[in-house]
Amino acid sequence: MTMISSDPPLRAFLFHCMADARRKAISLDLTAANIPAGSCLTGWVFDGEVRVSVQEPLPVAIAPEPVLRGLRSSGYFVWEEGSNPKSTTQ
């Protein structure tokens, strides 16, 4: 019998770069302090709280798997809108 992942969704926070709204980030830190400064020199603008899991769609056009990997390994995930990172086979 195959088990469906029952990991609870991660509570995270969505941001966009002040200088370039196409640059997005999701962080476990409400202040975005854990996101490297070089990824947005002008600062991050808070867009809201999100729940991240493979069972729930994100409010942005991106696959949840790479976001989850980034959150679990680094506490954040940064991408450029339109680059649409996809999940990978593991």
Protein backbone atom coordinates (compact mmCIF):
# COMPACT_ATOMS: atom_id res chain seq x y z
CA MET A 1 0.00 0.00 0.00
CA THR A 2 1.40 3.40 -0.99
CA MET A 3 1.48 6.07 1.71
CA ILE A 4 0.64 9.67 0.86
CA SER A 5 2.98 12.18 2.47
CA SER A 6 1.36 13.46 5.63
CA ASP A 7 3.95 16.13 6.37
CA PRO A 8 2.14 19.20 7.66
CA PRO A 9 2.41 22.33 5.50
CA LEU A 10 5.26 24.68 6.37
CA ARG A 11 4.24 28.15 7.51
CA ALA A 12 6.29 30.59 5.45
CA PHE A 13 6.26 34.17 4.21
CA LEU A 14 6.16 35.51 0.65
CA PHE A 15 8.17 38.57 -0.42
CA HIS A 16 9.06 40.47 -3.58
CA CYS A 17 12.15 42.58 -4.22
CA MET A 18 11.56 46.31 -3.86
CA ALA A 19 13.57 47.10 -7.03
CA ASP A 20 12.24 44.24 -9.16
CA ALA A 21 8.82 42.79 -8.34
CA ARG A 22 9.57 39.76 -10.57
CA ARG A 23 12.17 38.59 -8.01
CA LYS A 24 10.32 36.62 -5.34
CA ALA A 25 11.28 34.88 -2.14
CA ILE A 26 9.63 32.57 0.36
CA SER A 27 11.22 32.45 3.80
CA LEU A 28 10.59 30.82 7.15
CA ASP A 29 11.64 34.17 8.68
CA LEU A 30 8.93 36.84 8.82
CA THR A 31 11.59 39.57 8.57
CA ALA A 32 13.39 37.97 5.57
CA ALA A 33 16.66 38.44 7.50
CA ASN A 34 17.84 34.94 6.52
CA ILE A 35 17.75 35.71 2.76
CA PRO A 36 21.21 36.69 1.47
CA ALA A 37 21.47 40.47 0.98
CA GLY A 38 22.90 40.06 -2.53
CA SER A 39 19.69 38.51 -3.81
CA CYS A 40 17.86 41.88 -3.48
CA LEU A 41 19.96 44.96 -2.70
CA THR A 42 16.96 47.27 -2.14
CA GLY A 43 15.16 45.08 0.40
CA TRP A 44 12.25 42.68 0.51
CA VAL A 45 8.57 43.70 0.61
CA PHE A 46 6.25 41.42 2.59
CA ASP A 47 3.38 39.99 0.50
CA GLY A 48 1.77 37.66 3.02
CA GLU A 49 1.84 34.33 4.77
CA VAL A 50 1.73 31.11 2.76
CA ARG A 51 1.41 27.41 3.53
CA VAL A 52 3.87 25.30 1.59
CA SER A 53 3.19 21.63 0.88
CA VAL A 54 2.88 19.34 -2.11
CA GLN A 55 -0.86 19.04 -1.39
CA GLU A 56 -1.65 22.78 -1.50
CA PRO A 57 -1.13 25.16 -4.45
CA LEU A 58 1.05 28.18 -3.83
CA PRO A 59 -0.36 31.66 -4.58
CA VAL A 60 2.45 32.11 -7.13
CA ALA A 61 3.15 30.16 -10.32
CA ILE A 62 5.86 27.82 -9.06
CA ALA A 63 6.05 24.13 -8.25
CA PRO A 64 6.10 23.52 -4.48
CA GLU A 65 8.84 20.85 -4.47
CA PRO A 66 11.87 23.13 -5.08
CA VAL A 67 10.45 25.64 -2.59
CA LEU A 68 10.11 22.93 0.06
CA ARG A 69 13.67 21.73 -0.58
CA GLY A 70 14.99 25.29 -0.21
CA LEU A 71 12.99 25.96 2.94
CA ARG A 72 14.12 22.71 4.55
CA SER A 73 17.79 23.15 3.64
CA SER A 74 18.30 26.94 3.91
CA GLY A 75 15.13 28.43 5.37
CA TYR A 76 14.38 30.39 2.20
CA PHE A 77 13.89 30.07 -1.56
CA VAL A 78 14.48 32.87 -4.10
CA TRP A 79 13.46 32.86 -7.77
CA GLU A 80 12.66 35.15 -10.68
CA GLU A 81 9.02 35.14 -11.78
CA GLY A 82 8.82 33.49 -15.20
CA SER A 83 11.80 31.20 -14.59
CA ASN A 84 9.33 28.68 -13.10
CA PRO A 85 11.65 26.21 -11.36
CA LYS A 86 10.26 22.70 -11.61
CA SER A 87 10.50 19.76 -9.30
CA THR A 88 13.17 17.18 -9.98
CA THR A 89 13.11 13.44 -9.65
CA GLN A 90 14.77 12.34 -6.45
